[in-house]
Amino acid sequence: FTETDAQQTGAAWAILISEADKLRI
């Protein structure tokens, strides 16, 4: 798990969490 992997995974989670927060409303 490289630093690049960590950044990509973190970015993917950030997008999903933001989207989930909007959809939950």
PDB file of all heavy atoms in Angstrom:
ATOM      1  N   PHE A   1       0.867  -1.178   0.000  1.00  0.00           N
ATOM      2  CA  PHE A   1       0.000   0.000   0.000  1.00  0.00           C
ATOM      3  C   PHE A   1       0.898   1.220   0.000  1.00  0.00           C
ATOM      4  O   PHE A   1       1.467   1.586   1.029  1.00  0.00           O
ATOM      5  CB  PHE A   1      -0.907  -0.031   1.242  1.00  0.00           C
ATOM      6  CG  PHE A   1      -2.118   0.843   1.146  1.00  0.00           C
ATOM      7  CD1 PHE A   1      -3.164   0.537   0.301  1.00  0.00           C
ATOM      8  CD2 PHE A   1      -2.209   1.984   1.920  1.00  0.00           C
ATOM      9  CE1 PHE A   1      -4.287   1.340   0.226  1.00  0.00           C
ATOM     10  CE2 PHE A   1      -3.333   2.797   1.857  1.00  0.00           C
ATOM     11  CZ  PHE A   1      -4.375   2.469   1.003  1.00  0.00           C
ATOM     12  N   THR A   2       1.036   1.824  -1.166  1.00  0.00           N
ATOM     13  CA  THR A   2       1.943   2.960  -1.325  1.00  0.00           C
ATOM     14  C   THR A   2       1.276   4.256  -0.871  1.00  0.00           C
ATOM     15  O   THR A   2       0.071   4.294  -0.624  1.00  0.00           O
ATOM     16  CB  THR A   2       2.358   3.112  -2.793  1.00  0.00           C
ATOM     17  OG1 THR A   2       1.200   3.473  -3.558  1.00  0.00           O
ATOM     18  CG2 THR A   2       2.966   1.824  -3.337  1.00  0.00           C
ATOM     19  N   GLU A   3       2.062   5.311  -0.808  1.00  0.00           N
ATOM     20  CA  GLU A   3       1.526   6.634  -0.492  1.00  0.00           C
ATOM     21  C   GLU A   3       0.511   7.056  -1.549  1.00  0.00           C
ATOM     22  O   GLU A   3      -0.514   7.646  -1.231  1.00  0.00           O
ATOM     23  CB  GLU A   3       2.657   7.655  -0.383  1.00  0.00           C
ATOM     24  CG  GLU A   3       2.195   9.044  -0.021  1.00  0.00           C
ATOM     25  CD  GLU A   3       1.484   9.116   1.332  1.00  0.00           C
ATOM     26  OE1 GLU A   3       1.846   8.372   2.253  1.00  0.00           O
ATOM     27  OE2 GLU A   3       0.550   9.939   1.462  1.00  0.00           O
ATOM     28  N   THR A   4       0.779   6.719  -2.791  1.00  0.00           N
ATOM     29  CA  THR A   4      -0.171   7.014  -3.878  1.00  0.00           C
ATOM     30  C   THR A   4      -1.474   6.262  -3.658  1.00  0.00           C
ATOM     31  O   THR A   4      -2.562   6.825  -3.826  1.00  0.00           O
ATOM     32  CB  THR A   4       0.437   6.645  -5.250  1.00  0.00           C
ATOM     33  OG1 THR A   4       1.629   7.405  -5.434  1.00  0.00           O
ATOM     34  CG2 THR A   4      -0.531   6.916  -6.382  1.00  0.00           C
ATOM     35  N   ASP A   5      -1.379   4.988  -3.275  1.00  0.00           N
ATOM     36  CA  ASP A   5      -2.582   4.205  -2.960  1.00  0.00           C
ATOM     37  C   ASP A   5      -3.372   4.874  -1.840  1.00  0.00           C
ATOM     38  O   ASP A   5      -4.599   4.986  -1.915  1.00  0.00           O
ATOM     39  CB  ASP A   5      -2.214   2.783  -2.522  1.00  0.00           C
ATOM     40  CG  ASP A   5      -1.585   1.949  -3.616  1.00  0.00           C
ATOM     41  OD1 ASP A   5      -1.861   2.200  -4.811  1.00  0.00           O
ATOM     42  OD2 ASP A   5      -0.799   1.042  -3.270  1.00  0.00           O
ATOM     43  N   ALA A   6      -2.674   5.317  -0.807  1.00  0.00           N
ATOM     44  CA  ALA A   6      -3.330   5.962   0.334  1.00  0.00           C
ATOM     45  C   ALA A   6      -4.037   7.239  -0.105  1.00  0.00           C
ATOM     46  O   ALA A   6      -5.178   7.499   0.316  1.00  0.00           O
ATOM     47  CB  ALA A   6      -2.314   6.267   1.435  1.00  0.00           C
ATOM     48  N   GLN A   7      -3.395   8.022  -0.946  1.00  0.00           N
ATOM     49  CA  GLN A   7      -4.015   9.263  -1.423  1.00  0.00           C
ATOM     50  C   GLN A   7      -5.239   8.976  -2.286  1.00  0.00           C
ATOM     51  O   GLN A   7      -6.275   9.634  -2.141  1.00  0.00           O
ATOM     52  CB  GLN A   7      -2.995  10.101  -2.198  1.00  0.00           C
ATOM     53  CG  GLN A   7      -1.929  10.690  -1.313  1.00  0.00           C
ATOM     54  CD  GLN A   7      -0.822  11.378  -2.109  1.00  0.00           C
ATOM     55  OE1 GLN A   7      -0.824  11.391  -3.327  1.00  0.00           O
ATOM     56  NE2 GLN A   7       0.140  11.935  -1.381  1.00  0.00           N
ATOM     57  N   GLN A   8      -5.133   7.998  -3.163  1.00  0.00           N
ATOM     58  CA  GLN A   8      -6.262   7.652  -4.030  1.00  0.00           C
ATOM     59  C   GLN A   8      -7.430   7.090  -3.222  1.00  0.00           C
ATOM     60  O   GLN A   8      -8.582   7.455  -3.453  1.00  0.00           O
ATOM     61  CB  GLN A   8      -5.828   6.663  -5.107  1.00  0.00           C
ATOM     62  CG  GLN A   8      -4.914   7.266  -6.136  1.00  0.00           C
ATOM     63  CD  GLN A   8      -4.350   6.248  -7.114  1.00  0.00           C
ATOM     64  OE1 GLN A   8      -4.355   5.045  -6.865  1.00  0.00           O
ATOM     65  NE2 GLN A   8      -3.844   6.747  -8.233  1.00  0.00           N
ATOM     66  N   THR A   9      -7.126   6.229  -2.277  1.00  0.00           N
ATOM     67  CA  THR A   9      -8.177   5.652  -1.442  1.00  0.00           C
ATOM     68  C   THR A   9      -8.823   6.728  -0.578  1.00  0.00           C
ATOM     69  O   THR A   9     -10.046   6.783  -0.455  1.00  0.00           O
ATOM     70  CB  THR A   9      -7.610   4.518  -0.566  1.00  0.00           C
ATOM     71  OG1 THR A   9      -7.077   3.505  -1.419  1.00  0.00           O
ATOM     72  CG2 THR A   9      -8.677   3.914   0.329  1.00  0.00           C
ATOM     73  N   GLY A  10      -8.013   7.587  -0.001  1.00  0.00           N
ATOM     74  CA  GLY A  10      -8.546   8.687   0.807  1.00  0.00           C
ATOM     75  C   GLY A  10      -9.447   9.601  -0.012  1.00  0.00           C
ATOM     76  O   GLY A  10     -10.510  10.014   0.457  1.00  0.00           O
ATOM     77  N   ALA A  11      -9.035   9.903  -1.242  1.00  0.00           N
ATOM     78  CA  ALA A  11      -9.850  10.757  -2.114  1.00  0.00           C
ATOM     79  C   ALA A  11     -11.155  10.068  -2.480  1.00  0.00           C
ATOM     80  O   ALA A  11     -12.226  10.703  -2.491  1.00  0.00           O
ATOM     81  CB  ALA A  11      -9.068  11.120  -3.373  1.00  0.00           C
ATOM     82  N   ALA A  12     -11.093   8.775  -2.757  1.00  0.00           N
ATOM     83  CA  ALA A  12     -12.316   8.027  -3.093  1.00  0.00           C
ATOM     84  C   ALA A  12     -13.288   8.029  -1.914  1.00  0.00           C
ATOM     85  O   ALA A  12     -14.496   8.232  -2.087  1.00  0.00           O
ATOM     86  CB  ALA A  12     -11.962   6.601  -3.503  1.00  0.00           C
ATOM     87  N   TRP A  13     -12.748   7.817  -0.707  1.00  0.00           N
ATOM     88  CA  TRP A  13     -13.611   7.845   0.483  1.00  0.00           C
ATOM     89  C   TRP A  13     -14.192   9.239   0.712  1.00  0.00           C
ATOM     90  O   TRP A  13     -15.361   9.376   1.066  1.00  0.00           O
ATOM     91  CB  TRP A  13     -12.852   7.374   1.723  1.00  0.00           C
ATOM     92  CG  TRP A  13     -12.873   5.887   1.886  1.00  0.00           C
ATOM     93  CD1 TRP A  13     -11.818   5.041   1.830  1.00  0.00           C
ATOM     94  CD2 TRP A  13     -14.027   5.068   2.111  1.00  0.00           C
ATOM     95  NE1 TRP A  13     -12.250   3.749   1.998  1.00  0.00           N
ATOM     96  CE2 TRP A  13     -13.596   3.731   2.183  1.00  0.00           C
ATOM     97  CE3 TRP A  13     -15.389   5.329   2.252  1.00  0.00           C
ATOM     98  CZ2 TRP A  13     -14.468   2.664   2.390  1.00  0.00           C
ATOM     99  CZ3 TRP A  13     -16.269   4.269   2.466  1.00  0.00           C
ATOM    100  CH2 TRP A  13     -15.807   2.955   2.537  1.00  0.00           C
ATOM    101  N   ALA A  14     -13.395  10.258   0.522  1.00  0.00           N
ATOM    102  CA  ALA A  14     -13.893  11.626   0.727  1.00  0.00           C
ATOM    103  C   ALA A  14     -15.060  11.923  -0.199  1.00  0.00           C
ATOM    104  O   ALA A  14     -16.060  12.518   0.218  1.00  0.00           O
ATOM    105  CB  ALA A  14     -12.763  12.638   0.520  1.00  0.00           C
ATOM    106  N   ILE A  15     -14.970  11.489  -1.443  1.00  0.00           N
ATOM    107  CA  ILE A  15     -16.061  11.691  -2.398  1.00  0.00           C
ATOM    108  C   ILE A  15     -17.304  10.944  -1.950  1.00  0.00           C
ATOM    109  O   ILE A  15     -18.410  11.498  -1.945  1.00  0.00           O
ATOM    110  CB  ILE A  15     -15.619  11.260  -3.813  1.00  0.00           C
ATOM    111  CG1 ILE A  15     -14.575  12.242  -4.350  1.00  0.00           C
ATOM    112  CG2 ILE A  15     -16.809  11.137  -4.749  1.00  0.00           C
ATOM    113  CD1 ILE A  15     -13.846  11.747  -5.583  1.00  0.00           C
ATOM    114  N   LEU A  16     -17.136   9.682  -1.580  1.00  0.00           N
ATOM    115  CA  LEU A  16     -18.288   8.878  -1.156  1.00  0.00           C
ATOM    116  C   LEU A  16     -18.943   9.428   0.105  1.00  0.00           C
ATOM    117  O   LEU A  16     -20.178   9.475   0.204  1.00  0.00           O
ATOM    118  CB  LEU A  16     -17.873   7.423  -0.934  1.00  0.00           C
ATOM    119  CG  LEU A  16     -17.587   6.611  -2.184  1.00  0.00           C
ATOM    120  CD1 LEU A  16     -17.118   5.216  -1.801  1.00  0.00           C
ATOM    121  CD2 LEU A  16     -18.806   6.535  -3.085  1.00  0.00           C
ATOM    122  N   ILE A  17     -18.143   9.830   1.064  1.00  0.00           N
ATOM    123  CA  ILE A  17     -18.692  10.367   2.314  1.00  0.00           C
ATOM    124  C   ILE A  17     -19.465  11.649   2.043  1.00  0.00           C
ATOM    125  O   ILE A  17     -20.575  11.837   2.557  1.00  0.00           O
ATOM    126  CB  ILE A  17     -17.572  10.577   3.350  1.00  0.00           C
ATOM    127  CG1 ILE A  17     -17.022   9.212   3.801  1.00  0.00           C
ATOM    128  CG2 ILE A  17     -18.066  11.392   4.544  1.00  0.00           C
ATOM    129  CD1 ILE A  17     -15.699   9.287   4.546  1.00  0.00           C
ATOM    130  N   SER A  18     -18.926  12.509   1.219  1.00  0.00           N
ATOM    131  CA  SER A  18     -19.623  13.754   0.863  1.00  0.00           C
ATOM    132  C   SER A  18     -20.937  13.457   0.152  1.00  0.00           C
ATOM    133  O   SER A  18     -21.974  14.051   0.452  1.00  0.00           O
ATOM    134  CB  SER A  18     -18.716  14.616  -0.013  1.00  0.00           C
ATOM    135  OG  SER A  18     -19.396  15.762  -0.451  1.00  0.00           O
ATOM    136  N   GLU A  19     -20.876  12.535  -0.777  1.00  0.00           N
ATOM    137  CA  GLU A  19     -22.086  12.157  -1.506  1.00  0.00           C
ATOM    138  C   GLU A  19     -23.122  11.539  -0.564  1.00  0.00           C
ATOM    139  O   GLU A  19     -24.319  11.841  -0.657  1.00  0.00           O
ATOM    140  CB  GLU A  19     -21.714  11.173  -2.615  1.00  0.00           C
ATOM    141  CG  GLU A  19     -22.840  10.849  -3.562  1.00  0.00           C
ATOM    142  CD  GLU A  19     -22.401   9.926  -4.685  1.00  0.00           C
ATOM    143  OE1 GLU A  19     -21.194   9.863  -5.007  1.00  0.00           O
ATOM    144  OE2 GLU A  19     -23.297   9.268  -5.254  1.00  0.00           O
ATOM    145  N   ALA A  20     -22.680  10.667   0.323  1.00  0.00           N
ATOM    146  CA  ALA A  20     -23.596  10.038   1.282  1.00  0.00           C
ATOM    147  C   ALA A  20     -24.241  11.075   2.180  1.00  0.00           C
ATOM    148  O   ALA A  20     -25.434  10.993   2.489  1.00  0.00           O
ATOM    149  CB  ALA A  20     -22.850   8.995   2.120  1.00  0.00           C
ATOM    150  N   ASP A  21     -23.466  12.073   2.590  1.00  0.00           N
ATOM    151  CA  ASP A  21     -24.013  13.119   3.452  1.00  0.00           C
ATOM    152  C   ASP A  21     -25.104  13.904   2.729  1.00  0.00           C
ATOM    153  O   ASP A  21     -26.129  14.246   3.323  1.00  0.00           O
ATOM    154  CB  ASP A  21     -22.891  14.038   3.924  1.00  0.00           C
ATOM    155  CG  ASP A  21     -23.302  14.880   5.114  1.00  0.00           C
ATOM    156  OD1 ASP A  21     -24.008  14.358   6.007  1.00  0.00           O
ATOM    157  OD2 ASP A  21     -22.927  16.060   5.152  1.00  0.00           O
ATOM    158  N   LYS A  22     -24.915  14.169   1.459  1.00  0.00           N
ATOM    159  CA  LYS A  22     -25.932  14.881   0.677  1.00  0.00           C
ATOM    160  C   LYS A  22     -27.170  14.012   0.461  1.00  0.00           C
ATOM    161  O   LYS A  22     -28.301  14.484   0.606  1.00  0.00           O
ATOM    162  CB  LYS A  22     -25.352  15.324  -0.663  1.00  0.00           C
ATOM    163  CG  LYS A  22     -24.307  16.408  -0.532  1.00  0.00           C
ATOM    164  CD  LYS A  22     -23.647  16.717  -1.862  1.00  0.00           C
ATOM    165  CE  LYS A  22     -22.506  17.693  -1.649  1.00  0.00           C
ATOM    166  NZ  LYS A  22     -21.646  17.822  -2.816  1.00  0.00           N
ATOM    167  N   LEU A  23     -26.952  12.745   0.112  1.00  0.00           N
ATOM    168  CA  LEU A  23     -28.084  11.855  -0.164  1.00  0.00           C
ATOM    169  C   LEU A  23     -28.883  11.533   1.093  1.00  0.00           C
ATOM    170  O   LEU A  23     -30.092  11.334   1.022  1.00  0.00           O
ATOM    171  CB  LEU A  23     -27.596  10.570  -0.832  1.00  0.00           C
ATOM    172  CG  LEU A  23     -27.143  10.706  -2.276  1.00  0.00           C
ATOM    173  CD1 LEU A  23     -26.548   9.387  -2.770  1.00  0.00           C
ATOM    174  CD2 LEU A  23     -28.284  11.149  -3.175  1.00  0.00           C
ATOM    175  N   ARG A  24     -28.219  11.479   2.240  1.00  0.00           N
ATOM    176  CA  ARG A  24     -28.947  11.145   3.478  1.00  0.00           C
ATOM    177  C   ARG A  24     -29.969  12.214   3.814  1.00  0.00           C
ATOM    178  O   ARG A  24     -31.005  11.933   4.409  1.00  0.00           O
ATOM    179  CB  ARG A  24     -27.996  10.905   4.638  1.00  0.00           C
ATOM    180  CG  ARG A  24     -27.444  12.159   5.221  1.00  0.00           C
ATOM    181  CD  ARG A  24     -26.773  11.993   6.546  1.00  0.00           C
ATOM    182  NE  ARG A  24     -26.239  13.283   6.910  1.00  0.00           N
ATOM    183  CZ  ARG A  24     -26.958  14.262   7.491  1.00  0.00           C
ATOM    184  NH1 ARG A  24     -28.215  14.087   7.790  1.00  0.00           N
ATOM    185  NH2 ARG A  24     -26.387  15.414   7.777  1.00  0.00           N
ATOM    186  N   ILE A  25     -29.688  13.450   3.416  1.00  0.00           N
ATOM    187  CA  ILE A  25     -30.640  14.539   3.661  1.00  0.00           C
ATOM    188  C   ILE A  25     -31.913  14.303   2.856  1.00  0.00           C
ATOM    189  O   ILE A  25     -33.018  14.533   3.348  1.00  0.00           O
ATOM    190  CB  ILE A  25     -29.994  15.906   3.334  1.00  0.00           C
ATOM    191  CG1 ILE A  25     -28.856  16.168   4.324  1.00  0.00           C
ATOM    192  CG2 ILE A  25     -31.021  17.030   3.370  1.00  0.00           C
ATOM    193  CD1 ILE A  25     -27.947  17.320   3.952  1.00  0.00           C
TER     194      ILE A  25
END
